[in-house]
Amino acid sequence: MRATAYVLINLAAGIFEDVYSKLTKLEFVQQVHAVSGPYDMIAIVNGPTFNDIGKNVLNEIQTVRGVQNTITCNVIFLEN
């Protein structure tokens, strides 16, 4: 089973389209959504492990111009 996480992202003003375009081109990013509330964007990401996801967030998402900060929420799949 692959690891999945939600990455909550705060952006600089007026940069949404540029960040959206860059994130949707990253292989490990499955979806990107604009949201209202305390965050501007949420990305759904996958990787072989949570460690791989963390490295991708640090090296690929946080380095995108206009990304101010991120919070990564690992998905825990509950089995019945």
PDB file of N, CA and C in Angstrom:
ATOM      1  N   MET A   1       0.848  -1.186   0.000  1.00  0.00           N
ATOM      2  CA  MET A   1       0.000   0.000   0.000  1.00  0.00           C
ATOM      3  C   MET A   1       0.887   1.241   0.000  1.00  0.00           C
ATOM      4  N   ARG A   2       0.530   2.190  -0.820  1.00  0.00           N
ATOM      5  CA  ARG A   2       1.261   3.449  -0.882  1.00  0.00           C
ATOM      6  C   ARG A   2       0.779   4.395   0.212  1.00  0.00           C
ATOM      7  N   ALA A   3       1.626   5.322   0.591  1.00  0.00           N
ATOM      8  CA  ALA A   3       1.275   6.338   1.575  1.00  0.00           C
ATOM      9  C   ALA A   3       0.578   7.499   0.870  1.00  0.00           C
ATOM     10  N   THR A   4      -0.376   8.102   1.564  1.00  0.00           N
ATOM     11  CA  THR A   4      -1.121   9.250   1.044  1.00  0.00           C
ATOM     12  C   THR A   4      -1.138  10.336   2.107  1.00  0.00           C
ATOM     13  N   ALA A   5      -1.101  11.595   1.667  1.00  0.00           N
ATOM     14  CA  ALA A   5      -1.165  12.713   2.607  1.00  0.00           C
ATOM     15  C   ALA A   5      -1.882  13.893   1.957  1.00  0.00           C
ATOM     16  N   TYR A   6      -2.456  14.741   2.810  1.00  0.00           N
ATOM     17  CA  TYR A   6      -3.016  16.020   2.388  1.00  0.00           C
ATOM     18  C   TYR A   6      -2.009  17.087   2.785  1.00  0.00           C
ATOM     19  N   VAL A   7      -1.654  17.941   1.850  1.00  0.00           N
ATOM     20  CA  VAL A   7      -0.715  19.022   2.140  1.00  0.00           C
ATOM     21  C   VAL A   7      -1.500  20.328   2.111  1.00  0.00           C
ATOM     22  N   LEU A   8      -1.615  20.971   3.268  1.00  0.00           N
ATOM     23  CA  LEU A   8      -2.324  22.239   3.412  1.00  0.00           C
ATOM     24  C   LEU A   8      -1.320  23.348   3.132  1.00  0.00           C
ATOM     25  N   ILE A   9      -1.674  24.265   2.244  1.00  0.00           N
ATOM     26  CA  ILE A   9      -0.696  25.231   1.734  1.00  0.00           C
ATOM     27  C   ILE A   9      -1.207  26.660   1.869  1.00  0.00           C
ATOM     28  N   ASN A  10      -0.354  27.543   2.406  1.00  0.00           N
ATOM     29  CA  ASN A  10      -0.608  28.980   2.415  1.00  0.00           C
ATOM     30  C   ASN A  10       0.222  29.611   1.308  1.00  0.00           C
ATOM     31  N   LEU A  11      -0.385  30.546   0.586  1.00  0.00           N
ATOM     32  CA  LEU A  11       0.264  31.176  -0.561  1.00  0.00           C
ATOM     33  C   LEU A  11       0.404  32.677  -0.374  1.00  0.00           C
ATOM     34  N   ALA A  12       1.362  33.248  -1.080  1.00  0.00           N
ATOM     35  CA  ALA A  12       1.453  34.706  -1.194  1.00  0.00           C
ATOM     36  C   ALA A  12       0.282  35.172  -2.061  1.00  0.00           C
ATOM     37  N   ALA A  13      -0.106  36.409  -1.900  1.00  0.00           N
ATOM     38  CA  ALA A  13      -1.225  36.956  -2.673  1.00  0.00           C
ATOM     39  C   ALA A  13      -0.913  36.978  -4.165  1.00  0.00           C
ATOM     40  N   GLY A  14      -1.909  36.637  -4.974  1.00  0.00           N
ATOM     41  CA  GLY A  14      -1.817  36.762  -6.416  1.00  0.00           C
ATOM     42  C   GLY A  14      -0.967  35.724  -7.121  1.00  0.00           C
ATOM     43  N   ILE A  15      -0.637  34.635  -6.455  1.00  0.00           N
ATOM     44  CA  ILE A  15       0.280  33.646  -7.024  1.00  0.00           C
ATOM     45  C   ILE A  15      -0.386  32.298  -7.272  1.00  0.00           C
ATOM     46  N   PHE A  16      -1.686  32.174  -7.004  1.00  0.00           N
ATOM     47  CA  PHE A  16      -2.365  30.881  -7.055  1.00  0.00           C
ATOM     48  C   PHE A  16      -2.160  30.147  -8.378  1.00  0.00           C
ATOM     49  N   GLU A  17      -2.410  30.817  -9.497  1.00  0.00           N
ATOM     50  CA  GLU A  17      -2.340  30.131 -10.793  1.00  0.00           C
ATOM     51  C   GLU A  17      -0.951  29.576 -11.085  1.00  0.00           C
ATOM     52  N   ASP A  18       0.093  30.316 -10.738  1.00  0.00           N
ATOM     53  CA  ASP A  18       1.457  29.842 -10.957  1.00  0.00           C
ATOM     54  C   ASP A  18       1.754  28.600 -10.111  1.00  0.00           C
ATOM     55  N   VAL A  19       1.381  28.647  -8.835  1.00  0.00           N
ATOM     56  CA  VAL A  19       1.629  27.513  -7.946  1.00  0.00           C
ATOM     57  C   VAL A  19       0.804  26.314  -8.398  1.00  0.00           C
ATOM     58  N   TYR A  20      -0.456  26.531  -8.727  1.00  0.00           N
ATOM     59  CA  TYR A  20      -1.319  25.449  -9.195  1.00  0.00           C
ATOM     60  C   TYR A  20      -0.702  24.762 -10.407  1.00  0.00           C
ATOM     61  N   SER A  21      -0.244  25.544 -11.355  1.00  0.00           N
ATOM     62  CA  SER A  21       0.357  24.995 -12.573  1.00  0.00           C
ATOM     63  C   SER A  21       1.586  24.141 -12.256  1.00  0.00           C
ATOM     64  N   LYS A  22       2.424  24.605 -11.355  1.00  0.00           N
ATOM     65  CA  LYS A  22       3.640  23.862 -11.011  1.00  0.00           C
ATOM     66  C   LYS A  22       3.327  22.582 -10.240  1.00  0.00           C
ATOM     67  N   LEU A  23       2.405  22.669  -9.288  1.00  0.00           N
ATOM     68  CA  LEU A  23       2.104  21.492  -8.467  1.00  0.00           C
ATOM     69  C   LEU A  23       1.429  20.389  -9.280  1.00  0.00           C
ATOM     70  N   THR A  24       0.542  20.753 -10.194  1.00  0.00           N
ATOM     71  CA  THR A  24      -0.160  19.730 -10.974  1.00  0.00           C
ATOM     72  C   THR A  24       0.777  18.975 -11.916  1.00  0.00           C
ATOM     73  N   LYS A  25       1.966  19.501 -12.152  1.00  0.00           N
ATOM     74  CA  LYS A  25       2.938  18.830 -13.017  1.00  0.00           C
ATOM     75  C   LYS A  25       3.848  17.866 -12.247  1.00  0.00           C
ATOM     76  N   LEU A  26       3.795  17.908 -10.927  1.00  0.00           N
ATOM     77  CA  LEU A  26       4.639  17.024 -10.120  1.00  0.00           C
ATOM     78  C   LEU A  26       4.039  15.626 -10.099  1.00  0.00           C
ATOM     79  N   GLU A  27       4.857  14.620 -10.341  1.00  0.00           N
ATOM     80  CA  GLU A  27       4.392  13.239 -10.466  1.00  0.00           C
ATOM     81  C   GLU A  27       3.697  12.721  -9.211  1.00  0.00           C
ATOM     82  N   PHE A  28       4.168  13.097  -8.027  1.00  0.00           N
ATOM     83  CA  PHE A  28       3.603  12.562  -6.790  1.00  0.00           C
ATOM     84  C   PHE A  28       2.332  13.290  -6.344  1.00  0.00           C
ATOM     85  N   VAL A  29       1.986  14.386  -7.003  1.00  0.00           N
ATOM     86  CA  VAL A  29       0.776  15.139  -6.669  1.00  0.00           C
ATOM     87  C   VAL A  29      -0.399  14.571  -7.467  1.00  0.00           C
ATOM     88  N   GLN A  30      -1.426  14.105  -6.754  1.00  0.00           N
ATOM     89  CA  GLN A  30      -2.586  13.507  -7.405  1.00  0.00           C
ATOM     90  C   GLN A  30      -3.666  14.536  -7.738  1.00  0.00           C
ATOM     91  N   GLN A  31      -3.904  15.463  -6.827  1.00  0.00           N
ATOM     92  CA  GLN A  31      -4.927  16.498  -7.026  1.00  0.00           C
ATOM     93  C   GLN A  31      -4.486  17.765  -6.304  1.00  0.00           C
ATOM     94  N   VAL A  32      -4.972  18.895  -6.819  1.00  0.00           N
ATOM     95  CA  VAL A  32      -4.747  20.188  -6.169  1.00  0.00           C
ATOM     96  C   VAL A  32      -6.075  20.921  -6.175  1.00  0.00           C
ATOM     97  N   HIS A  33      -6.458  21.480  -5.016  1.00  0.00           N
ATOM     98  CA  HIS A  33      -7.727  22.188  -4.891  1.00  0.00           C
ATOM     99  C   HIS A  33      -7.520  23.546  -4.231  1.00  0.00           C
ATOM    100  N   ALA A  34      -8.228  24.550  -4.721  1.00  0.00           N
ATOM    101  CA  ALA A  34      -8.325  25.831  -4.021  1.00  0.00           C
ATOM    102  C   ALA A  34      -9.373  25.646  -2.926  1.00  0.00           C
ATOM    103  N   VAL A  35      -9.115  26.202  -1.752  1.00  0.00           N
ATOM    104  CA  VAL A  35     -10.052  26.072  -0.639  1.00  0.00           C
ATOM    105  C   VAL A  35     -10.211  27.418   0.066  1.00  0.00           C
ATOM    106  N   SER A  36     -11.308  27.560   0.780  1.00  0.00           N
ATOM    107  CA  SER A  36     -11.502  28.747   1.608  1.00  0.00           C
ATOM    108  C   SER A  36     -11.175  28.377   3.043  1.00  0.00           C
ATOM    109  N   GLY A  37     -10.915  29.374   3.861  1.00  0.00           N
ATOM    110  CA  GLY A  37     -10.568  29.119   5.254  1.00  0.00           C
ATOM    111  C   GLY A  37      -9.133  29.509   5.529  1.00  0.00           C
ATOM    112  N   PRO A  38      -8.501  28.863   6.504  1.00  0.00           N
ATOM    113  CA  PRO A  38      -7.151  29.265   6.898  1.00  0.00           C
ATOM    114  C   PRO A  38      -6.063  28.879   5.895  1.00  0.00           C
ATOM    115  N   TYR A  39      -6.381  28.029   4.925  1.00  0.00           N
ATOM    116  CA  TYR A  39      -5.408  27.634   3.899  1.00  0.00           C
ATOM    117  C   TYR A  39      -5.940  28.040   2.539  1.00  0.00           C
ATOM    118  N   ASP A  40      -5.038  28.194   1.589  1.00  0.00           N
ATOM    119  CA  ASP A  40      -5.407  28.626   0.248  1.00  0.00           C
ATOM    120  C   ASP A  40      -5.553  27.462  -0.723  1.00  0.00           C
ATOM    121  N   MET A  41      -4.845  26.377  -0.433  1.00  0.00           N
ATOM    122  CA  MET A  41      -4.766  25.271  -1.375  1.00  0.00           C
ATOM    123  C   MET A  41      -4.531  23.982  -0.589  1.00  0.00           C
ATOM    124  N   ILE A  42      -5.064  22.880  -1.116  1.00  0.00           N
ATOM    125  CA  ILE A  42      -4.775  21.555  -0.568  1.00  0.00           C
ATOM    126  C   ILE A  42      -4.327  20.666  -1.718  1.00  0.00           C
ATOM    127  N   ALA A  43      -3.206  19.985  -1.517  1.00  0.00           N
ATOM    128  CA  ALA A  43      -2.717  19.017  -2.498  1.00  0.00           C
ATOM    129  C   ALA A  43      -2.833  17.625  -1.897  1.00  0.00           C
ATOM    130  N   ILE A  44      -3.310  16.686  -2.685  1.00  0.00           N
ATOM    131  CA  ILE A  44      -3.336  15.286  -2.280  1.00  0.00           C
ATOM    132  C   ILE A  44      -2.134  14.632  -2.942  1.00  0.00           C
ATOM    133  N   VAL A  45      -1.264  14.043  -2.115  1.00  0.00           N
ATOM    134  CA  VAL A  45      -0.011  13.492  -2.625  1.00  0.00           C
ATOM    135  C   VAL A  45       0.139  12.022  -2.232  1.00  0.00           C
ATOM    136  N   ASN A  46       0.903  11.282  -3.026  1.00  0.00           N
ATOM    137  CA  ASN A  46       1.174   9.873  -2.767  1.00  0.00           C
ATOM    138  C   ASN A  46       2.663   9.611  -2.842  1.00  0.00           C
ATOM    139  N   GLY A  47       3.087   8.547  -2.186  1.00  0.00           N
ATOM    140  CA  GLY A  47       4.477   8.112  -2.259  1.00  0.00           C
ATOM    141  C   GLY A  47       4.607   6.721  -1.695  1.00  0.00           C
ATOM    142  N   PRO A  48       5.758   6.099  -1.888  1.00  0.00           N
ATOM    143  CA  PRO A  48       5.962   4.752  -1.354  1.00  0.00           C
ATOM    144  C   PRO A  48       5.875   4.708   0.176  1.00  0.00           C
ATOM    145  N   THR A  49       6.382   5.769   0.836  1.00  0.00           N
ATOM    146  CA  THR A  49       6.361   5.848   2.300  1.00  0.00           C
ATOM    147  C   THR A  49       6.063   7.291   2.712  1.00  0.00           C
ATOM    148  N   PHE A  50       5.721   7.472   3.989  1.00  0.00           N
ATOM    149  CA  PHE A  50       5.517   8.828   4.500  1.00  0.00           C
ATOM    150  C   PHE A  50       6.820   9.618   4.476  1.00  0.00           C
ATOM    151  N   ASN A  51       7.938   8.938   4.648  1.00  0.00           N
ATOM    152  CA  ASN A  51       9.236   9.607   4.566  1.00  0.00           C
ATOM    153  C   ASN A  51       9.464  10.177   3.169  1.00  0.00           C
ATOM    154  N   ASP A  52       9.114   9.408   2.136  1.00  0.00           N
ATOM    155  CA  ASP A  52       9.244   9.893   0.762  1.00  0.00           C
ATOM    156  C   ASP A  52       8.343  11.101   0.527  1.00  0.00           C
ATOM    157  N   ILE A  53       7.130  11.039   1.065  1.00  0.00           N
ATOM    158  CA  ILE A  53       6.225  12.182   0.934  1.00  0.00           C
ATOM    159  C   ILE A  53       6.841  13.409   1.595  1.00  0.00           C
ATOM    160  N   GLY A  54       7.375  13.247   2.794  1.00  0.00           N
ATOM    161  CA  GLY A  54       7.999  14.366   3.497  1.00  0.00           C
ATOM    162  C   GLY A  54       9.131  14.986   2.703  1.00  0.00           C
ATOM    163  N   LYS A  55       9.980  14.150   2.115  1.00  0.00           N
ATOM    164  CA  LYS A  55      11.077  14.662   1.293  1.00  0.00           C
ATOM    165  C   LYS A  55      10.548  15.419   0.082  1.00  0.00           C
ATOM    166  N   ASN A  56       9.500  14.897  -0.549  1.00  0.00           N
ATOM    167  CA  ASN A  56       8.925  15.575  -1.710  1.00  0.00           C
ATOM    168  C   ASN A  56       8.308  16.919  -1.330  1.00  0.00           C
ATOM    169  N   VAL A  57       7.647  16.971  -0.182  1.00  0.00           N
ATOM    170  CA  VAL A  57       7.071  18.241   0.270  1.00  0.00           C
ATOM    171  C   VAL A  57       8.187  19.254   0.514  1.00  0.00           C
ATOM    172  N   LEU A  58       9.236  18.833   1.210  1.00  0.00           N
ATOM    173  CA  LEU A  58      10.352  19.746   1.504  1.00  0.00           C
ATOM    174  C   LEU A  58      11.081  20.205   0.245  1.00  0.00           C
ATOM    175  N   ASN A  59      11.349  19.279  -0.650  1.00  0.00           N
ATOM    176  CA  ASN A  59      12.184  19.581  -1.820  1.00  0.00           C
ATOM    177  C   ASN A  59      11.412  20.110  -3.025  1.00  0.00           C
ATOM    178  N   GLU A  60      10.147  19.749  -3.153  1.00  0.00           N
ATOM    179  CA  GLU A  60       9.394  20.092  -4.363  1.00  0.00           C
ATOM    180  C   GLU A  60       8.286  21.113  -4.135  1.00  0.00           C
ATOM    181  N   ILE A  61       7.522  20.975  -3.047  1.00  0.00           N
ATOM    182  CA  ILE A  61       6.398  21.898  -2.825  1.00  0.00           C
ATOM    183  C   ILE A  61       6.867  23.162  -2.111  1.00  0.00           C
ATOM    184  N   GLN A  62       7.617  23.016  -1.035  1.00  0.00           N
ATOM    185  CA  GLN A  62       8.023  24.197  -0.264  1.00  0.00           C
ATOM    186  C   GLN A  62       8.971  25.111  -1.020  1.00  0.00           C
ATOM    187  N   THR A  63       9.599  24.630  -2.065  1.00  0.00           N
ATOM    188  CA  THR A  63      10.515  25.457  -2.836  1.00  0.00           C
ATOM    189  C   THR A  63       9.841  26.200  -3.989  1.00  0.00           C
ATOM    190  N   VAL A  64       8.549  25.959  -4.204  1.00  0.00           N
ATOM    191  CA  VAL A  64       7.825  26.661  -5.270  1.00  0.00           C
ATOM    192  C   VAL A  64       7.642  28.122  -4.851  1.00  0.00           C
ATOM    193  N   ARG A  65       7.995  29.039  -5.740  1.00  0.00           N
ATOM    194  CA  ARG A  65       7.851  30.471  -5.459  1.00  0.00           C
ATOM    195  C   ARG A  65       6.393  30.789  -5.144  1.00  0.00           C
ATOM    196  N   GLY A  66       6.147  31.438  -4.016  1.00  0.00           N
ATOM    197  CA  GLY A  66       4.804  31.814  -3.600  1.00  0.00           C
ATOM    198  C   GLY A  66       4.233  30.944  -2.498  1.00  0.00           C
ATOM    199  N   VAL A  67       4.822  29.765  -2.272  1.00  0.00           N
ATOM    200  CA  VAL A  67       4.388  28.911  -1.162  1.00  0.00           C
ATOM    201  C   VAL A  67       5.007  29.467   0.111  1.00  0.00           C
ATOM    202  N   GLN A  68       4.151  29.861   1.051  1.00  0.00           N
ATOM    203  CA  GLN A  68       4.661  30.461   2.286  1.00  0.00           C
ATOM    204  C   GLN A  68       4.876  29.435   3.384  1.00  0.00           C
ATOM    205  N   ASN A  69       3.959  28.495   3.536  1.00  0.00           N
ATOM    206  CA  ASN A  69       4.157  27.410   4.493  1.00  0.00           C
ATOM    207  C   ASN A  69       3.219  26.258   4.166  1.00  0.00           C
ATOM    208  N   THR A  70       3.544  25.096   4.720  1.00  0.00           N
ATOM    209  CA  THR A  70       2.740  23.903   4.482  1.00  0.00           C
ATOM    210  C   THR A  70       2.548  23.139   5.783  1.00  0.00           C
ATOM    211  N   ILE A  71       1.477  22.368   5.822  1.00  0.00           N
ATOM    212  CA  ILE A  71       1.256  21.392   6.879  1.00  0.00           C
ATOM    213  C   ILE A  71       0.887  20.094   6.175  1.00  0.00           C
ATOM    214  N   THR A  72       1.600  19.024   6.490  1.00  0.00           N
ATOM    215  CA  THR A  72       1.347  17.735   5.864  1.00  0.00           C
ATOM    216  C   THR A  72       0.581  16.840   6.828  1.00  0.00           C
ATOM    217  N   CYS A  73      -0.566  16.359   6.383  1.00  0.00           N
ATOM    218  CA  CYS A  73      -1.423  15.482   7.197  1.00  0.00           C
ATOM    219  C   CYS A  73      -1.448  14.095   6.565  1.00  0.00           C
ATOM    220  N   ASN A  74      -0.778  13.146   7.191  1.00  0.00           N
ATOM    221  CA  ASN A  74      -0.736  11.787   6.669  1.00  0.00           C
ATOM    222  C   ASN A  74      -2.100  11.122   6.827  1.00  0.00           C
ATOM    223  N   VAL A  75      -2.528  10.421   5.800  1.00  0.00           N
ATOM    224  CA  VAL A  75      -3.810   9.725   5.814  1.00  0.00           C
ATOM    225  C   VAL A  75      -3.621   8.376   6.478  1.00  0.00           C
ATOM    226  N   ILE A  76      -4.503   8.064   7.416  1.00  0.00           N
ATOM    227  CA  ILE A  76      -4.500   6.775   8.083  1.00  0.00           C
ATOM    228  C   ILE A  76      -5.745   6.028   7.637  1.00  0.00           C
ATOM    229  N   PHE A  77      -5.541   4.918   6.961  1.00  0.00           N
ATOM    230  CA  PHE A  77      -6.668   4.126   6.465  1.00  0.00           C
ATOM    231  C   PHE A  77      -7.129   3.183   7.571  1.00  0.00           C
ATOM    232  N   LEU A  78      -8.376   3.329   7.986  1.00  0.00           N
ATOM    233  CA  LEU A  78      -8.947   2.484   9.034  1.00  0.00           C
ATOM    234  C   LEU A  78      -9.645   1.294   8.393  1.00  0.00           C
ATOM    235  N   GLU A  79      -9.289   0.128   8.830  1.00  0.00           N
ATOM    236  CA  GLU A  79      -9.911  -1.078   8.306  1.00  0.00           C
ATOM    237  C   GLU A  79     -11.025  -1.516   9.232  1.00  0.00           C
ATOM    238  N   ASN A  80     -12.067  -2.097   8.652  1.00  0.00           N
ATOM    239  CA  ASN A  80     -13.204  -2.588   9.456  1.00  0.00           C
ATOM    240  C   ASN A  80     -12.866  -3.885  10.141  1.00  0.00           C
TER     241      ASN A  80
END
